[in-house]
Protein backbone atom coordinates (compact mmCIF):
# COMPACT_ATOMS: atom_id res chain seq x y z
CA MET A 1 48.60 201.93 98.62
CA LYS A 2 51.76 203.13 98.06
CA LYS A 3 51.52 204.49 101.71
CA LEU A 4 51.11 201.50 102.58
CA ILE A 5 53.54 199.52 101.49
CA VAL A 6 56.14 202.60 102.23
CA LEU A 7 54.95 202.29 106.39
CA SER A 8 55.25 198.57 106.03
CA VAL A 9 58.62 198.68 105.01
CA VAL A 10 59.68 201.05 107.44
CA PHE A 11 58.20 199.20 109.60
CA ALA A 12 60.11 196.13 109.22
CA LEU A 13 63.58 198.28 109.05
CA VAL A 14 62.62 199.94 112.42
CA ALA A 15 62.06 196.72 114.16
CA THR A 16 64.49 194.98 112.73
CA ALA A 17 66.44 197.29 114.16
CA ALA A 18 64.67 197.24 117.42
CA PHE A 19 65.04 193.75 118.09
CA ALA A 20 68.16 191.72 116.10
CA VAL A 21 67.30 188.38 116.26
CA ASP A 22 69.68 185.07 115.01
CA LEU A 23 67.64 181.45 113.98
CA SER A 24 69.80 178.33 113.90
CA ALA A 25 68.55 174.80 113.16
CA SER A 26 70.60 171.43 113.05
CA VAL A 27 70.16 167.67 112.36
CA PHE A 28 72.05 164.72 113.54
CA GLY A 29 71.63 161.41 111.86
CA ARG A 30 73.13 158.14 112.77
CA VAL A 31 72.76 154.41 111.79
CA THR A 32 74.86 151.77 113.45
CA PRO A 33 74.15 149.19 110.54
CA VAL A 34 75.95 146.17 112.95
CA GLN A 35 76.98 146.16 116.15
CA GLY A 36 77.63 143.17 118.81
CA ALA A 37 79.21 142.08 121.80
CA SER A 38 81.73 139.58 123.67
CA ASP A 39 78.76 137.67 125.70
CA ALA A 40 75.68 137.98 122.94
CA ASP A 41 75.65 136.02 119.98
CA ASP A 42 72.96 138.07 117.66
CA ILE A 43 74.32 140.85 115.69
CA THR A 44 72.04 143.78 115.82
CA ALA A 45 71.36 147.39 114.22
CA GLY A 46 70.16 150.62 115.56
CA GLY A 47 69.75 154.16 114.50
CA GLY A 48 68.02 157.64 115.41
CA PHE A 49 67.85 161.05 115.26
CA GLU A 50 70.91 162.28 117.75
CA ARG A 51 69.51 165.81 116.87
CA ILE A 52 66.82 168.00 115.68
CA ARG A 53 67.32 171.32 117.18
CA PHE A 54 66.42 175.06 117.15
CA ASP A 55 67.92 177.84 118.58
CA GLY A 56 67.18 182.01 118.56
CA TYR A 57 68.49 184.58 119.87
CA GLY A 58 67.86 187.90 119.70
CA GLU A 59 68.46 191.54 121.97
CA VAL A 60 66.52 194.98 122.19
CA ALA A 61 66.72 198.11 123.87
CA GLU A 62 70.47 198.36 122.73
CA GLY A 63 71.89 194.95 124.23
CA ALA A 64 70.29 195.94 127.68
CA PHE A 65 67.73 193.41 127.76
CA GLY A 66 67.55 189.76 125.27
CA GLY A 67 66.96 186.43 125.35
CA TRP A 68 67.67 182.22 124.09
CA ILE A 69 65.60 179.99 123.55
CA ARG A 70 66.22 176.15 122.40
CA PHE A 71 63.82 173.19 120.87
CA ASP A 72 65.04 170.23 121.39
CA GLY A 73 62.62 167.70 121.92
CA GLY A 74 61.96 170.66 125.21
CA PHE A 75 62.10 173.64 125.82
CA SER A 76 64.72 175.46 127.42
CA GLY A 77 66.09 179.39 127.58
CA TYR A 78 66.88 181.71 129.62
CA ALA A 79 66.73 186.11 129.50
CA PHE A 80 68.87 188.57 130.71
CA TRP A 81 68.96 192.31 131.56
CA LYS A 82 72.08 194.25 131.50
CA PRO A 83 71.61 197.66 133.52
CA ILE A 84 75.37 198.96 133.21
CA ASP A 85 78.34 196.99 131.42
CA GLN A 86 79.57 195.05 135.08
CA LEU A 87 75.85 193.82 135.78
CA LYS A 88 74.22 190.99 133.80
CA ILE A 89 71.48 189.23 135.65
CA VAL A 90 69.94 186.29 133.41
CA ILE A 91 66.58 183.88 134.50
CA GLY A 92 67.12 180.03 132.91
CA GLY A 93 69.63 178.20 131.51
CA ASN A 94 71.72 176.57 129.13
CA PRO A 95 71.77 172.80 129.01
CA ASP A 96 75.17 172.15 127.42
CA GLY A 97 76.52 174.32 130.90
CA MET A 98 77.27 177.70 131.14
CA TYR A 99 80.61 178.56 132.97
CA GLY A 100 82.64 175.25 132.16
CA LYS A 101 86.22 175.66 132.05
CA GLU A 102 87.62 172.35 130.47
CA GLY A 103 89.24 173.30 127.02
CA ILE A 104 90.55 169.95 125.00
CA THR A 105 89.16 167.66 128.08
CA GLY A 106 85.76 168.51 127.02
CA TRP A 107 83.59 168.39 124.10
CA MET A 108 86.28 169.92 122.16
CA PHE A 109 88.41 166.46 122.17
CA ASN A 110 86.15 165.54 119.19
CA GLU A 111 83.40 168.64 118.72
CA ASN A 112 80.38 167.37 116.55
CA PRO A 113 80.89 164.07 116.05
CA TYR A 114 80.64 163.28 119.93
CA ASP A 115 77.04 164.67 119.30
CA MET A 116 76.23 163.22 115.83
CA GLY A 117 77.11 159.62 117.55
CA ALA A 118 80.21 158.59 115.62
CA ALA A 119 82.15 158.95 118.67
CA PHE A 120 81.89 157.68 122.02
CA GLY A 121 78.96 160.20 123.40
CA GLY A 122 81.41 162.75 125.83
CA ASN A 123 83.37 159.51 125.69
CA ASN A 124 82.85 159.86 130.08
CA ILE A 125 81.74 163.51 129.77
CA TRP A 126 77.87 162.69 128.56
CA GLY A 127 77.86 158.96 128.35
CA TRP A 128 75.40 158.84 125.24
CA ASN A 129 75.34 156.92 121.98
CA GLY A 130 76.96 154.14 122.94
CA GLY A 131 80.77 152.81 124.36
CA PRO A 132 82.10 154.13 127.77
CA ASN A 133 78.89 155.54 130.01
CA ASP A 134 78.90 158.03 132.46
CA ASN A 135 81.13 156.08 134.68
CA SER A 136 83.68 155.28 132.60
CA TYR A 137 83.63 151.54 131.16
CA GLY A 138 82.17 151.06 134.41
CA GLN A 139 84.67 152.51 136.00
CA SER A 140 83.91 155.66 138.59
CA ILE A 141 86.15 158.42 136.68
CA LYS A 142 85.39 160.56 133.95
CA THR A 143 87.20 164.17 133.09
CA ARG A 144 84.41 165.90 134.39
CA ASN A 145 85.74 165.18 138.00
CA VAL A 146 88.30 166.98 137.58
CA PHE A 147 87.39 169.80 134.80
CA PHE A 148 84.03 171.63 135.87
CA GLY A 149 81.77 170.91 133.08
CA GLY A 150 79.29 174.14 133.19
CA PHE A 151 75.79 174.33 135.23
CA GLY A 152 73.44 172.71 133.08
CA ASP A 153 70.22 173.61 134.71
CA ASN A 154 68.11 176.85 135.69
CA GLY A 155 68.63 179.32 138.03
CA LEU A 156 69.45 183.08 138.56
CA HIS A 157 72.46 183.83 137.50
CA LEU A 158 74.75 186.81 138.15
CA ASN A 159 77.51 188.27 136.16
CA ILE A 160 79.99 190.68 137.25
CA THR A 161 82.20 192.17 135.95
CA PRO A 162 84.07 194.80 137.66
CA PHE A 163 87.13 195.42 134.60
CA ASP A 164 87.96 193.73 131.56
CA VAL A 165 90.01 191.09 132.64
CA LEU A 166 87.56 189.75 135.72
CA THR A 167 84.65 188.17 136.37
CA VAL A 168 82.40 186.63 139.14
CA ASN A 169 80.02 184.52 138.04
CA LEU A 170 77.20 183.27 140.81
CA VAL A 171 74.62 180.97 140.17
CA LEU A 172 71.39 179.75 142.94
CA PRO A 173 69.22 177.47 141.05
CA PHE A 174 66.08 178.19 142.72
CA TRP A 175 64.22 175.82 140.10
CA GLY A 176 66.03 172.48 141.44
CA GLY A 177 66.92 174.01 144.92
CA GLY A 178 63.74 172.96 147.19
CA THR A 179 61.11 174.68 148.80
CA GLU A 180 63.11 176.97 150.90
CA ILE A 181 65.69 179.87 149.48
CA VAL A 182 68.01 178.35 152.22
CA ASP A 183 68.09 175.19 149.70
CA ALA A 184 69.53 177.14 146.82
CA ILE A 185 71.81 178.77 148.62
CA LEU A 186 73.41 175.50 149.84
CA LYS A 187 73.74 174.66 145.99
CA VAL A 188 75.07 177.77 145.04
CA LYS A 189 77.86 177.90 141.91
CA ALA A 190 80.56 180.82 142.54
CA GLN A 191 83.42 181.35 140.08
CA VAL A 192 86.07 183.75 139.70
CA ASP A 193 87.05 183.83 135.95
CA LEU A 194 90.46 186.01 135.01
CA ASN A 195 91.46 186.21 131.22
CA PHE A 196 94.89 187.60 130.51
CA ASP A 197 96.92 187.53 127.61
CA PHE A 198 98.91 184.52 128.47
CA GLY A 199 95.29 182.48 129.21
CA ASN A 200 92.57 181.69 131.39
CA ILE A 201 92.94 181.25 135.30
CA ALA A 202 89.33 180.43 136.97
CA VAL A 203 88.24 178.86 140.49
CA THR A 204 84.95 177.06 140.61
CA TYR A 205 83.09 176.00 143.90
CA ASP A 206 80.02 173.46 143.69
CA GLY A 207 77.89 173.23 146.10
CA ASN A 208 75.77 169.94 146.67
CA GLY A 209 73.47 171.04 148.60
CA ASP A 210 73.66 169.19 151.70
CA GLY A 211 75.15 172.12 154.16
CA ALA A 212 78.22 170.27 154.46
CA GLY A 213 79.72 169.82 151.50
CA GLY A 214 80.60 170.35 147.92
CA LYS A 215 83.61 170.42 145.42
CA ILE A 216 86.35 173.29 144.70
CA TYR A 217 87.57 173.38 140.90
CA ALA A 218 90.73 175.02 139.61
CA TYR A 219 91.51 175.86 136.09
CA TYR A 220 94.35 177.06 134.01
CA GLY A 221 93.81 177.08 130.26
CA GLY A 222 96.49 179.18 127.25
CA PRO A 223 98.98 178.70 124.75
CA ILE A 224 102.38 176.95 125.49
CA GLY A 225 104.55 177.75 122.45
CA PRO A 226 102.65 175.55 119.51
CA LEU A 227 100.74 173.82 122.24
CA GLY A 228 97.41 174.66 123.42
CA LEU A 229 97.57 173.83 127.77
CA ASP A 230 94.93 172.94 129.83
CA VAL A 231 95.33 172.07 133.46
CA GLY A 232 92.91 171.03 136.25
CA VAL A 233 92.70 170.26 140.20
CA SER A 234 89.51 169.66 141.98
CA TYR A 235 88.84 168.95 145.67
CA GLY A 236 85.59 167.50 147.19
CA PHE A 237 84.08 166.94 150.02
CA ASP A 238 80.88 165.54 152.12
CA GLU A 239 79.19 166.07 155.40
CA ASP A 240 81.15 163.06 156.86
CA LEU A 241 84.12 164.79 155.22
CA ASN A 242 85.21 162.15 153.10
CA TYR A 243 87.79 163.16 149.83
CA SER A 244 88.13 162.99 146.70
CA ILE A 245 91.41 164.72 145.04
CA GLY A 246 92.06 164.99 141.16
CA ALA A 247 94.22 166.18 138.71
CA GLY A 248 94.05 166.60 134.58
CA ILE A 249 95.56 167.49 131.83
CA GLY A 250 95.14 168.25 128.16
CA LEU A 251 97.25 169.07 125.34
CA LYS A 252 96.55 170.06 121.54
CA PHE A 253 98.89 170.42 119.15
CA ALA A 254 97.13 171.32 115.29
CA THR A 255 98.96 171.75 111.75
CA ASP A 256 97.14 172.35 107.86
CA THR A 257 97.26 168.38 108.00
CA PHE A 258 98.20 166.79 111.28
CA GLY A 259 96.93 167.19 114.73
CA ILE A 260 96.86 165.30 118.16
CA ARG A 261 94.80 165.67 121.51
CA PHE A 262 95.25 164.25 124.26
CA ARG A 263 93.63 164.61 127.77
CA ALA A 264 94.22 162.47 130.98
CA VAL A 265 92.64 162.59 134.28
CA THR A 266 93.16 161.07 137.84
CA THR A 267 91.72 161.15 141.15
CA ILE A 268 91.93 159.08 144.62
CA ASP A 269 89.84 158.78 147.36
CA ILE A 270 89.55 157.14 150.97
CA ASP A 271 89.31 153.69 148.89
CA TYR A 272 90.08 153.92 145.02
CA PHE A 273 92.60 155.53 142.62
CA ARG A 274 91.80 155.92 139.02
CA ILE A 275 93.15 157.23 136.52
CA LEU A 276 91.66 157.58 132.62
CA THR A 277 93.99 158.50 129.25
CA GLU A 278 92.85 159.20 126.28
CA LEU A 279 95.07 159.96 122.30
CA ASN A 280 93.24 161.21 119.69
CA PRO A 281 95.77 161.66 116.62
CA TYR A 282 94.11 162.99 113.27
CA PHE A 283 95.21 163.59 109.44
CA ALA A 284 94.00 166.48 106.98
CA PHE A 285 93.53 165.68 103.48
CA GLY A 286 92.38 169.00 102.30
CA ASP A 287 89.67 171.08 104.08
CA LYS A 288 86.90 168.70 103.62
CA LEU A 289 88.38 164.81 104.68
CA ALA A 290 90.32 164.07 107.74
CA VAL A 291 90.65 160.74 109.62
CA PHE A 292 90.86 160.76 113.54
CA LEU A 293 92.22 158.07 115.57
CA ASN A 294 90.86 157.85 119.24
CA LEU A 295 92.27 155.60 121.91
CA GLY A 296 91.29 155.38 125.04
CA LEU A 297 92.81 153.56 129.08
CA CYS A 298 90.83 153.02 132.39
CA MET A 299 92.64 151.94 135.50
CA THR A 300 90.88 151.42 138.61
CA LEU A 301 93.06 150.46 142.26
CA ASP A 302 91.88 149.06 145.27
CA ASN A 303 93.31 151.15 147.71
CA TRP A 304 93.11 148.28 150.64
CA SER A 305 93.69 145.32 147.96
CA SER A 306 95.90 144.88 145.05
CA ALA A 307 92.94 144.08 142.74
CA SER A 308 92.54 146.03 139.95
CA GLU A 309 90.25 146.80 136.53
CA LEU A 310 91.76 148.50 133.39
CA ASP A 311 89.46 148.66 130.25
CA PHE A 312 90.35 150.14 126.98
CA SER A 313 88.23 152.20 124.13
CA VAL A 314 89.13 152.10 120.31
CA ASN A 315 87.46 154.58 118.15
CA PRO A 316 88.88 155.38 114.57
CA TYR A 317 86.41 157.46 112.39
CA LEU A 318 86.01 159.22 108.57
CA ARG A 319 85.07 162.73 108.61
CA ILE A 320 83.71 164.41 104.62
CA GLY A 321 82.81 167.94 105.08
CA GLU A 322 84.28 171.10 106.96
CA GLU A 323 84.78 170.75 110.97
CA TRP A 324 82.18 173.45 111.28
CA GLY A 325 79.65 172.68 108.30
CA ALA A 326 77.72 170.12 107.27
CA GLN A 327 80.02 166.26 107.86
CA PHE A 328 79.21 163.08 106.80
CA LEU A 329 81.05 160.57 109.50
CA VAL A 330 82.20 156.72 109.20
CA GLY A 331 82.99 154.91 112.74
CA PHE A 332 84.29 152.23 113.91
CA LYS A 333 83.56 151.57 117.92
CA LEU A 334 85.69 148.69 119.96
CA TRP A 335 85.53 149.14 123.74
CA SER A 336 85.58 146.96 126.74
CA GLU A 337 83.60 147.10 130.13
CA GLY A 338 84.48 145.01 134.06
CA ASN A 339 87.97 144.49 133.20
CA ILE A 340 87.77 143.41 129.83
CA ASP A 341 84.99 140.96 130.71
CA VAL A 342 82.76 142.05 128.21
CA ILE A 343 84.05 143.89 124.75
CA LYS A 344 81.57 145.53 122.49
CA TRP A 345 81.41 146.89 119.40
CA GLY A 346 79.70 148.66 116.60
CA VAL A 347 79.89 150.90 112.90
CA PRO A 348 78.01 154.25 113.09
CA VAL A 349 77.11 156.09 109.85
CA CYS A 350 76.02 159.60 110.45
CA ILE A 351 75.16 163.31 108.48
CA GLY A 352 75.13 166.25 110.16
CA LEU A 353 74.44 170.14 109.47
CA SER A 354 73.66 173.26 110.95
CA PHE A 355 72.06 176.34 109.41
């Protein structure tokens, strides 16, 4: 019996060393006790789980093989093989997006309060949890028109790192690429990613699959004195040579008691000029109490007439808990859609934790 116990312990230690596994889970719940709109007489309520998620990651053969899996209403994941340090082959994907280059202009503008529902849902990034939708207040602009938000579908990934500062990322999305290999090739994602001491420079091509169109993103992110800076430009085109040009900036300043985040993007095409700008000052009272103030404006101008649309958002919230720990959030959402024709509001209350 003692020999059996000893052998079991030895086997467990060997298995743990050979296959290291990290497991995590998160639960985000939200209720909105009151919400309404200027074009409706009723005050309603809502709520739900914004997230019930399980993640697992493991490696074998000293990191030569590995995989990641997630359950979040459905399964997603990827497996990889790293035959040499300079090459990693991945099959699958991460719905959060891989190879994104957006810095403070993306999810990091509000972080977990996005996912929990206290802040507007990605505020023109993903467009959930109410408020400005994926078309931004009913207007067709969002931060990811200018900054590459990452590739979130499944595919074949090649990560090539010839030396430390340079990585080349290639993705062929065979899952959604059609029945022929040429369909996936036309939707190829290609990125040159340079990491220097002074910051990150990346150029990304995102093929749209029609054979004569796509989008090119250029990005810089790095510190400028006490500020964090993100700069992006984009150029999109289709088979008819219609174009869209975009430019954007993100800024972050933070101390122990005060911080401010700012982002702005603008796009122009053959018909419209659009601009979106948002400001998020915040105040910290120790490690476990902070107040955030979200303010946003969105405007569209018709290039061929004097017509314009202007909409706004106001979204303050209180966070009790650590930035990356368990949190209790209560906020207020006020926003307009369709040139301030409709004004909507809500009071979200959220609890979230990861373990």
